[in-house]
Amino acid sequence: MSSLSRRRVLFGGAAVGAGALLTACTSNDTSNNAQVNTNSGNENAAPGEKVVIGFTAPAADHGWIAAITNNAKAQAQQYEDVELKVTEAGSDAAAQRAAISTMIAEKPTIIVMLPHDGKELNAAAEEAMRAGIPVVNLDRAFPSQDAYRLQIKGDNYGMGLAAGAYIGEQLKTKGVSNPIIGEIPGIDSLELTQERTKGFNDALAVYGFKVANRRPADFTIDGGQKAATDLLQALPRMDAVWNHDDDQGVGVLAAIQQANRNEFFMVGGAGAKSAIDHIAADDSVLKATVTYSPSMASSAISLARLIAQGKGMADLVELQVPKEITLASETITKENAAQYAKLGF
């Protein structure tokens, strides 16, 4: 079970490293009809047809969301053939829907969209696709496959698995047979939150453990502090707690310190720099965090460019970018915090 927390980055089972391709396909015998990529260099990096990428994401009132937008802008600047047009998404799904309608009228080559809510923005994405504008669905999934050309997201279920596996292993090592475990998710109505919780429950079940109390927050510092305060009051004693989001975790840690509680350990979520620093310093109850990297926005821009130019991924045999890509969730602990520090946001 501990191997769940050590998974390496996977591209939804679709991508194979170039080294693996070359190792497996070095024979000069062509009678086996093997389909191989013989390019030794990355031709995709060379300037090509100009691409106008429309980009929209929720307002950057959250560290992870801010990093998403910053990464998208920085990645677009790496290509002289890319023009990035960022459209403010507003504060809710209705405002973002209006922003997308304006974006469609401007006819960009392709759209990269992190929706407020995938279900609520599904129709807007379908509208873009019908208008001949491919959509790259970032992070919060659209339920309809005809609403996107590419869906790239973090492994929400895998986050829960990784957090549950770490907690289960730690409690097993300590000889705790009937632990009291708390959970502080983010916005409970989002599918991604539900996937994280399911993964967490499934991982704990392997050890015969379950969550004793669960208090949703809202991905904000204030929301995290309130949810943690309520959880601490509901559970006078705990052995472990998983907080889904490191941004709201700032408030969670504040509530824990205010309550003067330290009989348990905590696992965070996403991989914020502040969380990695606490883990490295070993100065709080936070002992690990499971990644959900905003670097996916950089990848979304690069892949949107390839789609718009009719190119595939250099290390793949297939001629087109895959339909779906899921990035794996890694576990950051004191032992590897220095390695992951550069990825903190």
C-alpha atoms as a PDB file:
ATOM      1  CA  MET A   1       0.000   0.000   0.000  1.00  0.00           C
ATOM      2  CA  SER A   2       2.885   2.351   0.707  1.00  0.00           C
ATOM      3  CA  SER A   3       3.687   2.318  -3.003  1.00  0.00           C
ATOM      4  CA  LEU A   4       0.634   4.520  -3.563  1.00  0.00           C
ATOM      5  CA  SER A   5       2.547   7.446  -2.131  1.00  0.00           C
ATOM      6  CA  ARG A   6       5.539   6.919  -4.405  1.00  0.00           C
ATOM      7  CA  ARG A   7       3.910   6.940  -7.825  1.00  0.00           C
ATOM      8  CA  ARG A   8       5.797   8.762 -10.529  1.00  0.00           C
ATOM      9  CA  VAL A   9       4.234  11.220 -12.979  1.00  0.00           C
ATOM     10  CA  LEU A  10       1.926   9.502 -15.474  1.00  0.00           C
ATOM     11  CA  PHE A  11       0.182  11.047 -18.447  1.00  0.00           C
ATOM     12  CA  GLY A  12      -3.129   9.220 -18.104  1.00  0.00           C
ATOM     13  CA  GLY A  13      -1.509   5.995 -19.275  1.00  0.00           C
ATOM     14  CA  ALA A  14      -1.051   7.497 -22.740  1.00  0.00           C
ATOM     15  CA  ALA A  15       2.483   8.858 -22.727  1.00  0.00           C
ATOM     16  CA  VAL A  16       5.619   6.759 -23.079  1.00  0.00           C
ATOM     17  CA  GLY A  17       9.049   8.283 -22.512  1.00  0.00           C
ATOM     18  CA  ALA A  18      11.280   8.703 -25.564  1.00  0.00           C
ATOM     19  CA  GLY A  19      13.929   6.542 -23.967  1.00  0.00           C
ATOM     20  CA  ALA A  20      11.461   3.718 -23.536  1.00  0.00           C
ATOM     21  CA  LEU A  21      10.394   4.008 -27.165  1.00  0.00           C
ATOM     22  CA  LEU A  22      13.958   3.906 -28.420  1.00  0.00           C
ATOM     23  CA  THR A  23      14.919   1.037 -26.143  1.00  0.00           C
ATOM     24  CA  ALA A  24      11.984  -1.054 -27.245  1.00  0.00           C
ATOM     25  CA  CYS A  25      12.294  -0.315 -30.945  1.00  0.00           C
ATOM     26  CA  THR A  26      15.966  -0.415 -31.944  1.00  0.00           C
ATOM     27  CA  SER A  27      15.717  -3.352 -34.332  1.00  0.00           C
ATOM     28  CA  ASN A  28      16.362  -2.805 -38.041  1.00  0.00           C
ATOM     29  CA  ASP A  29      13.865  -5.548 -38.861  1.00  0.00           C
ATOM     30  CA  THR A  30      10.790  -3.844 -40.322  1.00  0.00           C
ATOM     31  CA  SER A  31       8.801  -7.048 -40.778  1.00  0.00           C
ATOM     32  CA  ASN A  32       7.025  -6.631 -37.426  1.00  0.00           C
ATOM     33  CA  ASN A  33       5.245  -3.423 -38.595  1.00  0.00           C
ATOM     34  CA  ALA A  34       6.154  -1.629 -35.357  1.00  0.00           C
ATOM     35  CA  GLN A  35       4.820   1.936 -35.121  1.00  0.00           C
ATOM     36  CA  VAL A  36       7.688   4.041 -33.817  1.00  0.00           C
ATOM     37  CA  ASN A  37       8.703   7.667 -33.515  1.00  0.00           C
ATOM     38  CA  THR A  38      12.191   8.015 -35.018  1.00  0.00           C
ATOM     39  CA  ASN A  39      12.660  11.758 -34.380  1.00  0.00           C
ATOM     40  CA  SER A  40      15.701  12.311 -32.191  1.00  0.00           C
ATOM     41  CA  GLY A  41      15.016  16.007 -31.557  1.00  0.00           C
ATOM     42  CA  ASN A  42      12.002  17.973 -30.427  1.00  0.00           C
ATOM     43  CA  GLU A  43      10.811  19.624 -33.600  1.00  0.00           C
ATOM     44  CA  ASN A  44       7.708  20.907 -31.811  1.00  0.00           C
ATOM     45  CA  ALA A  45       9.723  23.659 -30.143  1.00  0.00           C
ATOM     46  CA  ALA A  46      10.504  25.322 -33.464  1.00  0.00           C
ATOM     47  CA  PRO A  47       8.303  28.338 -34.318  1.00  0.00           C
ATOM     48  CA  GLY A  48       5.270  27.503 -36.403  1.00  0.00           C
ATOM     49  CA  GLU A  49       1.916  28.927 -37.369  1.00  0.00           C
ATOM     50  CA  LYS A  50       0.787  31.740 -35.071  1.00  0.00           C
ATOM     51  CA  VAL A  51      -1.623  30.637 -32.360  1.00  0.00           C
ATOM     52  CA  VAL A  52      -3.945  32.921 -30.379  1.00  0.00           C
ATOM     53  CA  ILE A  53      -4.844  31.246 -27.089  1.00  0.00           C
ATOM     54  CA  GLY A  54      -7.807  32.580 -25.141  1.00  0.00           C
ATOM     55  CA  PHE A  55      -7.347  31.911 -21.429  1.00  0.00           C
ATOM     56  CA  THR A  56      -9.847  32.158 -18.591  1.00  0.00           C
ATOM     57  CA  ALA A  57      -9.667  31.095 -14.953  1.00  0.00           C
ATOM     58  CA  PRO A  58     -11.366  32.188 -11.723  1.00  0.00           C
ATOM     59  CA  ALA A  59     -10.115  35.355 -10.034  1.00  0.00           C
ATOM     60  CA  ALA A  60      -6.700  34.902  -8.436  1.00  0.00           C
ATOM     61  CA  ASP A  61      -7.906  35.196  -4.837  1.00  0.00           C
ATOM     62  CA  HIS A  62      -6.266  31.896  -3.946  1.00  0.00           C
ATOM     63  CA  GLY A  63      -2.583  30.990  -4.138  1.00  0.00           C
ATOM     64  CA  TRP A  64      -3.108  27.941  -6.341  1.00  0.00           C
ATOM     65  CA  ILE A  65      -5.372  29.800  -8.777  1.00  0.00           C
ATOM     66  CA  ALA A  66      -2.894  32.693  -8.920  1.00  0.00           C
ATOM     67  CA  ALA A  67      -0.140  30.216  -9.755  1.00  0.00           C
ATOM     68  CA  ILE A  68      -2.314  28.706 -12.504  1.00  0.00           C
ATOM     69  CA  THR A  69      -2.663  32.069 -14.252  1.00  0.00           C
ATOM     70  CA  ASN A  70       0.978  33.044 -13.687  1.00  0.00           C
ATOM     71  CA  ASN A  71       2.199  29.724 -15.080  1.00  0.00           C
ATOM     72  CA  ALA A  72      -0.008  30.073 -18.156  1.00  0.00           C
ATOM     73  CA  LYS A  73       1.358  33.553 -18.856  1.00  0.00           C
ATOM     74  CA  ALA A  74       4.967  32.487 -18.308  1.00  0.00           C
ATOM     75  CA  GLN A  75       4.638  29.444 -20.558  1.00  0.00           C
ATOM     76  CA  ALA A  76       3.051  31.451 -23.367  1.00  0.00           C
ATOM     77  CA  GLN A  77       6.050  33.787 -23.302  1.00  0.00           C
ATOM     78  CA  GLN A  78       8.303  30.850 -24.166  1.00  0.00           C
ATOM     79  CA  TYR A  79       6.841  30.689 -27.678  1.00  0.00           C
ATOM     80  CA  GLU A  80       7.257  33.438 -30.249  1.00  0.00           C
ATOM     81  CA  ASP A  81       4.330  31.990 -32.210  1.00  0.00           C
ATOM     82  CA  VAL A  82       1.846  32.237 -29.295  1.00  0.00           C
ATOM     83  CA  GLU A  83      -0.311  35.201 -28.305  1.00  0.00           C
ATOM     84  CA  LEU A  84      -2.126  34.744 -25.012  1.00  0.00           C
ATOM     85  CA  LYS A  85      -5.327  36.699 -24.434  1.00  0.00           C
ATOM     86  CA  VAL A  86      -6.410  36.517 -20.807  1.00  0.00           C
ATOM     87  CA  THR A  87     -10.099  37.212 -20.104  1.00  0.00           C
ATOM     88  CA  GLU A  88     -11.198  37.920 -16.540  1.00  0.00           C
ATOM     89  CA  ALA A  89     -13.559  35.175 -15.392  1.00  0.00           C
ATOM     90  CA  GLY A  90     -15.375  37.183 -12.737  1.00  0.00           C
ATOM     91  CA  SER A  91     -16.395  35.924  -9.333  1.00  0.00           C
ATOM     92  CA  ASP A  92     -18.847  33.180 -10.276  1.00  0.00           C
ATOM     93  CA  ALA A  93     -19.921  30.807 -13.038  1.00  0.00           C
ATOM     94  CA  ALA A  94     -22.393  33.279 -14.560  1.00  0.00           C
ATOM     95  CA  ALA A  95     -19.713  35.947 -14.954  1.00  0.00           C
ATOM     96  CA  GLN A  96     -17.305  33.465 -16.487  1.00  0.00           C
ATOM     97  CA  ARG A  97     -20.007  32.269 -18.884  1.00  0.00           C
ATOM     98  CA  ALA A  98     -20.424  35.844 -20.123  1.00  0.00           C
ATOM     99  CA  ALA A  99     -16.655  36.223 -20.434  1.00  0.00           C
ATOM    100  CA  ILE A 100     -16.448  33.063 -22.530  1.00  0.00           C
ATOM    101  CA  SER A 101     -19.177  34.300 -24.868  1.00  0.00           C
ATOM    102  CA  THR A 102     -17.129  37.450 -25.450  1.00  0.00           C
ATOM    103  CA  MET A 103     -14.029  35.342 -25.993  1.00  0.00           C
ATOM    104  CA  ILE A 104     -15.784  33.144 -28.583  1.00  0.00           C
ATOM    105  CA  ALA A 105     -16.848  36.260 -30.509  1.00  0.00           C
ATOM    106  CA  GLU A 106     -13.182  37.292 -30.713  1.00  0.00           C
ATOM    107  CA  LYS A 107     -12.385  33.951 -32.435  1.00  0.00           C
ATOM    108  CA  PRO A 108      -9.129  32.828 -30.823  1.00  0.00           C
ATOM    109  CA  THR A 109      -7.407  29.795 -32.325  1.00  0.00           C
ATOM    110  CA  ILE A 110      -8.004  27.745 -29.165  1.00  0.00           C
ATOM    111  CA  ILE A 111      -9.262  28.297 -25.607  1.00  0.00           C
ATOM    112  CA  VAL A 112      -7.722  27.113 -22.331  1.00  0.00           C
ATOM    113  CA  MET A 113     -10.368  27.238 -19.634  1.00  0.00           C
ATOM    114  CA  LEU A 114     -10.280  26.538 -15.904  1.00  0.00           C
ATOM    115  CA  PRO A 115     -13.987  26.788 -15.056  1.00  0.00           C
ATOM    116  CA  HIS A 116     -15.482  27.925 -11.772  1.00  0.00           C
ATOM    117  CA  ASP A 117     -17.458  24.698 -11.952  1.00  0.00           C
ATOM    118  CA  GLY A 118     -17.177  22.164 -14.758  1.00  0.00           C
ATOM    119  CA  LYS A 119     -20.845  21.242 -14.769  1.00  0.00           C
ATOM    120  CA  GLU A 120     -22.059  24.840 -14.835  1.00  0.00           C
ATOM    121  CA  LEU A 121     -19.655  25.874 -17.627  1.00  0.00           C
ATOM    122  CA  ASN A 122     -20.109  22.743 -19.722  1.00  0.00           C
ATOM    123  CA  ALA A 123     -22.581  24.426 -22.106  1.00  0.00           C
ATOM    124  CA  ALA A 124     -20.240  27.389 -22.633  1.00  0.00           C
ATOM    125  CA  ALA A 125     -17.430  25.035 -23.597  1.00  0.00           C
ATOM    126  CA  GLU A 126     -19.737  23.164 -25.972  1.00  0.00           C
ATOM    127  CA  GLU A 127     -20.599  26.499 -27.589  1.00  0.00           C
ATOM    128  CA  ALA A 128     -16.918  27.167 -28.241  1.00  0.00           C
ATOM    129  CA  MET A 129     -16.395  23.699 -29.688  1.00  0.00           C
ATOM    130  CA  ARG A 130     -19.400  24.118 -32.007  1.00  0.00           C
ATOM    131  CA  ALA A 131     -17.900  27.416 -33.160  1.00  0.00           C
ATOM    132  CA  GLY A 132     -14.815  25.521 -34.278  1.00  0.00           C
ATOM    133  CA  ILE A 133     -12.645  26.671 -31.381  1.00  0.00           C
ATOM    134  CA  PRO A 134     -10.996  23.714 -29.594  1.00  0.00           C
ATOM    135  CA  VAL A 135     -11.197  23.845 -25.793  1.00  0.00           C
ATOM    136  CA  VAL A 136      -8.542  22.679 -23.347  1.00  0.00           C
ATOM    137  CA  ASN A 137     -10.366  21.899 -20.111  1.00  0.00           C
ATOM    138  CA  LEU A 138      -8.044  22.627 -17.208  1.00  0.00           C
ATOM    139  CA  ASP A 139      -8.480  21.068 -13.746  1.00  0.00           C
ATOM    140  CA  ARG A 140     -12.253  21.152 -13.115  1.00  0.00           C
ATOM    141  CA  ALA A 141     -13.717  18.609 -15.479  1.00  0.00           C
ATOM    142  CA  PHE A 142     -16.541  19.133 -17.943  1.00  0.00           C
ATOM    143  CA  PRO A 143     -18.962  16.185 -17.806  1.00  0.00           C
ATOM    144  CA  SER A 144     -19.475  16.042 -21.591  1.00  0.00           C
ATOM    145  CA  GLN A 145     -16.653  14.819 -23.793  1.00  0.00           C
ATOM    146  CA  ASP A 146     -17.870  16.988 -26.650  1.00  0.00           C
ATOM    147  CA  ALA A 147     -17.139  20.054 -24.469  1.00  0.00           C
ATOM    148  CA  TYR A 148     -13.366  19.709 -24.809  1.00  0.00           C
ATOM    149  CA  ARG A 149     -10.618  18.640 -27.178  1.00  0.00           C
ATOM    150  CA  LEU A 150      -8.215  18.011 -24.293  1.00  0.00           C
ATOM    151  CA  GLN A 151      -8.791  17.632 -20.593  1.00  0.00           C
ATOM    152  CA  ILE A 152      -5.724  18.019 -18.373  1.00  0.00           C
ATOM    153  CA  LYS A 153      -6.063  17.799 -14.628  1.00  0.00           C
ATOM    154  CA  GLY A 154      -4.464  16.670 -11.425  1.00  0.00           C
ATOM    155  CA  ASP A 155      -5.240  13.307  -9.895  1.00  0.00           C
ATOM    156  CA  ASN A 156      -7.868  14.212  -7.315  1.00  0.00           C
ATOM    157  CA  TYR A 157      -8.689  10.615  -6.461  1.00  0.00           C
ATOM    158  CA  GLY A 158      -4.942   9.972  -6.306  1.00  0.00           C
ATOM    159  CA  MET A 159      -4.496  12.841  -3.844  1.00  0.00           C
ATOM    160  CA  GLY A 160      -6.902  11.102  -1.508  1.00  0.00           C
ATOM    161  CA  LEU A 161      -5.161   7.768  -2.014  1.00  0.00           C
ATOM    162  CA  ALA A 162      -1.750   9.294  -1.284  1.00  0.00           C
ATOM    163  CA  ALA A 163      -2.970  11.138   1.830  1.00  0.00           C
ATOM    164  CA  GLY A 164      -4.798   8.069   3.135  1.00  0.00           C
ATOM    165  CA  ALA A 165      -1.837   5.794   2.445  1.00  0.00           C
ATOM    166  CA  TYR A 166       0.549   8.118   4.306  1.00  0.00           C
ATOM    167  CA  ILE A 167      -1.769   8.440   7.290  1.00  0.00           C
ATOM    168  CA  GLY A 168      -2.479   4.712   7.322  1.00  0.00           C
ATOM    169  CA  GLU A 169       1.206   3.796   7.231  1.00  0.00           C
ATOM    170  CA  GLN A 170       2.125   6.297   9.942  1.00  0.00           C
ATOM    171  CA  LEU A 171      -0.629   5.095  12.280  1.00  0.00           C
ATOM    172  CA  LYS A 172       0.209   1.455  11.579  1.00  0.00           C
ATOM    173  CA  THR A 173       3.878   2.129  12.406  1.00  0.00           C
ATOM    174  CA  LYS A 174       2.844   3.798  15.662  1.00  0.00           C
ATOM    175  CA  GLY A 175       0.674   0.807  16.547  1.00  0.00           C
ATOM    176  CA  VAL A 176      -2.580   2.811  16.613  1.00  0.00           C
ATOM    177  CA  SER A 177      -5.368   0.314  15.959  1.00  0.00           C
ATOM    178  CA  ASN A 178      -8.480   2.458  16.314  1.00  0.00           C
ATOM    179  CA  PRO A 179      -7.478   5.994  15.304  1.00  0.00           C
ATOM    180  CA  ILE A 180      -9.560   9.142  15.356  1.00  0.00           C
ATOM    181  CA  ILE A 181      -9.121  10.740  11.951  1.00  0.00           C
ATOM    182  CA  GLY A 182     -10.433  14.124  10.831  1.00  0.00           C
ATOM    183  CA  GLU A 183     -10.883  15.552   7.347  1.00  0.00           C
ATOM    184  CA  ILE A 184     -11.110  19.150   6.113  1.00  0.00           C
ATOM    185  CA  PRO A 185     -12.077  19.204   2.414  1.00  0.00           C
ATOM    186  CA  GLY A 186     -12.492  22.251   0.211  1.00  0.00           C
ATOM    187  CA  ILE A 187     -15.726  23.204  -1.564  1.00  0.00           C
ATOM    188  CA  ASP A 188     -17.864  20.137  -1.050  1.00  0.00           C
ATOM    189  CA  SER A 189     -20.093  20.606  -4.096  1.00  0.00           C
ATOM    190  CA  LEU A 190     -17.170  20.288  -6.530  1.00  0.00           C
ATOM    191  CA  GLU A 191     -16.585  16.927  -8.167  1.00  0.00           C
ATOM    192  CA  LEU A 192     -12.859  17.240  -7.501  1.00  0.00           C
ATOM    193  CA  THR A 193     -13.516  17.450  -3.749  1.00  0.00           C
ATOM    194  CA  GLN A 194     -15.739  14.387  -3.888  1.00  0.00           C
ATOM    195  CA  GLU A 195     -13.044  12.479  -5.799  1.00  0.00           C
ATOM    196  CA  ARG A 196     -10.428  13.425  -3.190  1.00  0.00           C
ATOM    197  CA  THR A 197     -12.643  12.247  -0.365  1.00  0.00           C
ATOM    198  CA  LYS A 198     -13.393   8.953  -2.110  1.00  0.00           C
ATOM    199  CA  GLY A 199      -9.703   8.270  -2.634  1.00  0.00           C
ATOM    200  CA  PHE A 200      -9.008   9.090   1.005  1.00  0.00           C
ATOM    201  CA  ASN A 201     -11.746   6.782   2.265  1.00  0.00           C
ATOM    202  CA  ASP A 202     -10.645   3.973  -0.039  1.00  0.00           C
ATOM    203  CA  ALA A 203      -7.039   4.206   1.146  1.00  0.00           C
ATOM    204  CA  LEU A 204      -7.999   4.290   4.834  1.00  0.00           C
ATOM    205  CA  ALA A 205     -10.282   1.285   4.351  1.00  0.00           C
ATOM    206  CA  VAL A 206      -7.256  -0.853   3.428  1.00  0.00           C
ATOM    207  CA  TYR A 207      -6.061  -0.362   7.005  1.00  0.00           C
ATOM    208  CA  GLY A 208      -9.511  -0.795   8.509  1.00  0.00           C
ATOM    209  CA  PHE A 209      -9.676   2.930   9.339  1.00  0.00           C
ATOM    210  CA  LYS A 210     -12.346   5.547   8.637  1.00  0.00           C
ATOM    211  CA  VAL A 211     -12.938   9.277   9.087  1.00  0.00           C
ATOM    212  CA  ALA A 212     -14.449  10.200  12.470  1.00  0.00           C
ATOM    213  CA  ASN A 213     -15.477  13.755  11.554  1.00  0.00           C
ATOM    214  CA  ARG A 214     -15.410  15.838   8.383  1.00  0.00           C
ATOM    215  CA  ARG A 215     -15.761  19.657   8.190  1.00  0.00           C
ATOM    216  CA  PRO A 216     -15.749  21.253   4.706  1.00  0.00           C
ATOM    217  CA  ALA A 217     -14.041  24.599   4.119  1.00  0.00           C
ATOM    218  CA  ASP A 218     -13.930  26.705   0.943  1.00  0.00           C
ATOM    219  CA  PHE A 219     -10.274  26.923  -0.177  1.00  0.00           C
ATOM    220  CA  THR A 220      -9.783  30.167   1.774  1.00  0.00           C
ATOM    221  CA  ILE A 221      -7.723  30.913   4.880  1.00  0.00           C
ATOM    222  CA  ASP A 222     -10.766  32.106   6.826  1.00  0.00           C
ATOM    223  CA  GLY A 223     -12.777  29.087   5.737  1.00  0.00           C
ATOM    224  CA  GLY A 224      -9.977  26.758   6.752  1.00  0.00           C
ATOM    225  CA  GLN A 225      -9.696  28.361  10.173  1.00  0.00           C
ATOM    226  CA  LYS A 226     -13.425  28.068  10.828  1.00  0.00           C
ATOM    227  CA  ALA A 227     -13.624  24.467   9.624  1.00  0.00           C
ATOM    228  CA  ALA A 228     -10.621  23.498  11.741  1.00  0.00           C
ATOM    229  CA  THR A 229     -12.049  25.230  14.807  1.00  0.00           C
ATOM    230  CA  ASP A 230     -15.289  23.292  14.403  1.00  0.00           C
ATOM    231  CA  LEU A 231     -13.414  20.025  13.874  1.00  0.00           C
ATOM    232  CA  LEU A 232     -11.229  20.520  16.940  1.00  0.00           C
ATOM    233  CA  GLN A 233     -14.277  21.215  19.057  1.00  0.00           C
ATOM    234  CA  ALA A 234     -16.037  18.118  17.716  1.00  0.00           C
ATOM    235  CA  LEU A 235     -12.999  15.903  18.344  1.00  0.00           C
ATOM    236  CA  PRO A 236     -11.321  16.627  21.704  1.00  0.00           C
ATOM    237  CA  ARG A 237      -8.653  14.143  20.680  1.00  0.00           C
ATOM    238  CA  MET A 238      -7.353  13.190  17.232  1.00  0.00           C
ATOM    239  CA  ASP A 239      -4.636  11.007  15.787  1.00  0.00           C
ATOM    240  CA  ALA A 240      -4.487  12.467  12.277  1.00  0.00           C
ATOM    241  CA  VAL A 241      -6.218  14.907   9.946  1.00  0.00           C
ATOM    242  CA  TRP A 242      -6.138  15.485   6.204  1.00  0.00           C
ATOM    243  CA  ASN A 243      -6.646  19.049   4.989  1.00  0.00           C
ATOM    244  CA  HIS A 244      -7.295  19.003   1.213  1.00  0.00           C
ATOM    245  CA  ASP A 245      -5.796  22.398   0.397  1.00  0.00           C
ATOM    246  CA  ASP A 246      -2.605  24.107   1.582  1.00  0.00           C
ATOM    247  CA  ASP A 247      -3.996  27.629   1.077  1.00  0.00           C
ATOM    248  CA  GLN A 248      -6.881  26.999   3.458  1.00  0.00           C
ATOM    249  CA  GLY A 249      -4.286  25.096   5.502  1.00  0.00           C
ATOM    250  CA  VAL A 250      -2.827  28.432   6.643  1.00  0.00           C
ATOM    251  CA  GLY A 251      -6.099  29.006   8.502  1.00  0.00           C
ATOM    252  CA  VAL A 252      -6.211  25.390   9.653  1.00  0.00           C
ATOM    253  CA  LEU A 253      -2.772  25.691  11.251  1.00  0.00           C
ATOM    254  CA  ALA A 254      -3.772  28.988  12.871  1.00  0.00           C
ATOM    255  CA  ALA A 255      -6.806  27.340  14.489  1.00  0.00           C
ATOM    256  CA  ILE A 256      -4.675  24.421  15.688  1.00  0.00           C
ATOM    257  CA  GLN A 257      -2.120  26.752  17.238  1.00  0.00           C
ATOM    258  CA  GLN A 258      -4.856  28.845  18.835  1.00  0.00           C
ATOM    259  CA  ALA A 259      -6.375  25.715  20.370  1.00  0.00           C
ATOM    260  CA  ASN A 260      -2.930  24.622  21.545  1.00  0.00           C
ATOM    261  CA  ARG A 261      -3.418  21.140  20.088  1.00  0.00           C
ATOM    262  CA  ASN A 262      -0.510  18.960  18.964  1.00  0.00           C
ATOM    263  CA  GLU A 263      -1.470  15.375  19.806  1.00  0.00           C
ATOM    264  CA  PHE A 264      -2.046  14.554  16.135  1.00  0.00           C
ATOM    265  CA  PHE A 265      -0.294  14.980  12.790  1.00  0.00           C
ATOM    266  CA  MET A 266      -1.657  16.586   9.632  1.00  0.00           C
ATOM    267  CA  VAL A 267      -1.312  16.004   5.903  1.00  0.00           C
ATOM    268  CA  GLY A 268      -1.928  18.886   3.512  1.00  0.00           C
ATOM    269  CA  GLY A 269      -2.828  19.111  -0.150  1.00  0.00           C
ATOM    270  CA  ALA A 270      -1.462  20.793  -3.322  1.00  0.00           C
ATOM    271  CA  GLY A 271       2.157  21.578  -2.400  1.00  0.00           C
ATOM    272  CA  ALA A 272       2.209  25.261  -1.426  1.00  0.00           C
ATOM    273  CA  LYS A 273       5.623  26.701  -0.574  1.00  0.00           C
ATOM    274  CA  SER A 274       4.487  27.640   2.937  1.00  0.00           C
ATOM    275  CA  ALA A 275       3.441  24.033   3.550  1.00  0.00           C
ATOM    276  CA  ILE A 276       6.713  22.640   2.185  1.00  0.00           C
ATOM    277  CA  ASP A 277       8.645  25.060   4.418  1.00  0.00           C
ATOM    278  CA  HIS A 278       6.734  23.888   7.515  1.00  0.00           C
ATOM    279  CA  ILE A 279       7.337  20.266   6.594  1.00  0.00           C
ATOM    280  CA  ALA A 280      11.062  20.836   6.035  1.00  0.00           C
ATOM    281  CA  ALA A 281      11.427  22.753   9.310  1.00  0.00           C
ATOM    282  CA  ASP A 282       9.328  20.181  11.193  1.00  0.00           C
ATOM    283  CA  ASP A 283       7.898  23.043  13.250  1.00  0.00           C
ATOM    284  CA  SER A 284       4.186  22.176  13.282  1.00  0.00           C
ATOM    285  CA  VAL A 285       1.737  19.278  13.176  1.00  0.00           C
ATOM    286  CA  LEU A 286       1.975  19.393   9.356  1.00  0.00           C
ATOM    287  CA  LYS A 287       4.181  16.442   8.423  1.00  0.00           C
ATOM    288  CA  ALA A 288       3.351  15.884   4.746  1.00  0.00           C
ATOM    289  CA  THR A 289       1.422  17.248   1.780  1.00  0.00           C
ATOM    290  CA  VAL A 290       0.230  15.556  -1.403  1.00  0.00           C
ATOM    291  CA  THR A 291       0.822  17.408  -4.650  1.00  0.00           C
ATOM    292  CA  TYR A 292      -1.678  18.930  -7.044  1.00  0.00           C
ATOM    293  CA  SER A 293       0.648  21.115  -9.033  1.00  0.00           C
ATOM    294  CA  PRO A 294      -0.433  24.309 -10.829  1.00  0.00           C
ATOM    295  CA  SER A 295       2.264  23.451 -13.362  1.00  0.00           C
ATOM    296  CA  MET A 296      -0.616  21.804 -15.235  1.00  0.00           C
ATOM    297  CA  ALA A 297      -1.411  25.282 -16.595  1.00  0.00           C
ATOM    298  CA  SER A 298       2.008  25.473 -18.242  1.00  0.00           C
ATOM    299  CA  SER A 299       1.413  22.077 -19.809  1.00  0.00           C
ATOM    300  CA  ALA A 300      -2.058  23.181 -20.945  1.00  0.00           C
ATOM    301  CA  ILE A 301      -0.588  26.131 -22.862  1.00  0.00           C
ATOM    302  CA  SER A 302       2.082  23.987 -24.505  1.00  0.00           C
ATOM    303  CA  LEU A 303      -0.445  21.347 -25.510  1.00  0.00           C
ATOM    304  CA  ALA A 304      -2.976  23.938 -26.714  1.00  0.00           C
ATOM    305  CA  ARG A 305      -0.282  25.271 -29.043  1.00  0.00           C
ATOM    306  CA  LEU A 306       0.367  21.785 -30.426  1.00  0.00           C
ATOM    307  CA  ILE A 307      -3.337  21.122 -30.962  1.00  0.00           C
ATOM    308  CA  ALA A 308      -3.802  24.439 -32.759  1.00  0.00           C
ATOM    309  CA  GLN A 309      -0.838  23.714 -35.009  1.00  0.00           C
ATOM    310  CA  GLY A 310      -1.991  20.161 -35.729  1.00  0.00           C
ATOM    311  CA  LYS A 311       0.995  18.576 -34.016  1.00  0.00           C
ATOM    312  CA  GLY A 312       1.320  15.641 -31.634  1.00  0.00           C
ATOM    313  CA  MET A 313       3.527  15.139 -28.584  1.00  0.00           C
ATOM    314  CA  ALA A 314       7.158  14.552 -29.547  1.00  0.00           C
ATOM    315  CA  ASP A 315       7.587  11.393 -27.460  1.00  0.00           C
ATOM    316  CA  LEU A 316       4.409   9.742 -28.690  1.00  0.00           C
ATOM    317  CA  VAL A 317       3.903   7.684 -31.820  1.00  0.00           C
ATOM    318  CA  GLU A 318       0.388   9.072 -32.312  1.00  0.00           C
ATOM    319  CA  LEU A 319       0.006  12.140 -34.512  1.00  0.00           C
ATOM    320  CA  GLN A 320      -2.323  14.043 -32.183  1.00  0.00           C
ATOM    321  CA  VAL A 321      -2.274  15.160 -28.537  1.00  0.00           C
ATOM    322  CA  PRO A 322      -4.237  12.692 -26.350  1.00  0.00           C
ATOM    323  CA  LYS A 323      -7.821  13.443 -25.348  1.00  0.00           C
ATOM    324  CA  GLU A 324      -7.151  13.280 -21.595  1.00  0.00           C
ATOM    325  CA  ILE A 325      -4.067  13.702 -19.392  1.00  0.00           C
ATOM    326  CA  THR A 326      -3.997  13.142 -15.638  1.00  0.00           C
ATOM    327  CA  LEU A 327      -0.969  14.149 -13.572  1.00  0.00           C
ATOM    328  CA  ALA A 328      -0.002  11.992 -10.607  1.00  0.00           C
ATOM    329  CA  SER A 329      -0.036  13.129  -6.971  1.00  0.00           C
ATOM    330  CA  GLU A 330       3.251  12.812  -5.062  1.00  0.00           C
ATOM    331  CA  THR A 331       3.767  12.825  -1.303  1.00  0.00           C
ATOM    332  CA  ILE A 332       6.104  15.468   0.126  1.00  0.00           C
ATOM    333  CA  THR A 333       7.674  14.718   3.505  1.00  0.00           C
ATOM    334  CA  LYS A 334      10.625  16.071   5.471  1.00  0.00           C
ATOM    335  CA  GLU A 335      12.854  13.586   3.654  1.00  0.00           C
ATOM    336  CA  ASN A 336      12.160  14.953   0.162  1.00  0.00           C
ATOM    337  CA  ALA A 337      10.963  18.508   0.888  1.00  0.00           C
ATOM    338  CA  ALA A 338      14.179  20.052  -0.456  1.00  0.00           C
ATOM    339  CA  GLN A 339      13.658  18.284  -3.781  1.00  0.00           C
ATOM    340  CA  TYR A 340      10.108  19.644  -4.135  1.00  0.00           C
ATOM    341  CA  ALA A 341      10.781  23.159  -2.784  1.00  0.00           C
ATOM    342  CA  LYS A 342      11.301  24.615  -6.265  1.00  0.00           C
ATOM    343  CA  LEU A 343       7.808  23.467  -7.269  1.00  0.00           C
ATOM    344  CA  GLY A 344       6.075  25.204  -4.353  1.00  0.00           C
ATOM    345  CA  PHE A 345       3.735  28.063  -5.232  1.00  0.00           C
END
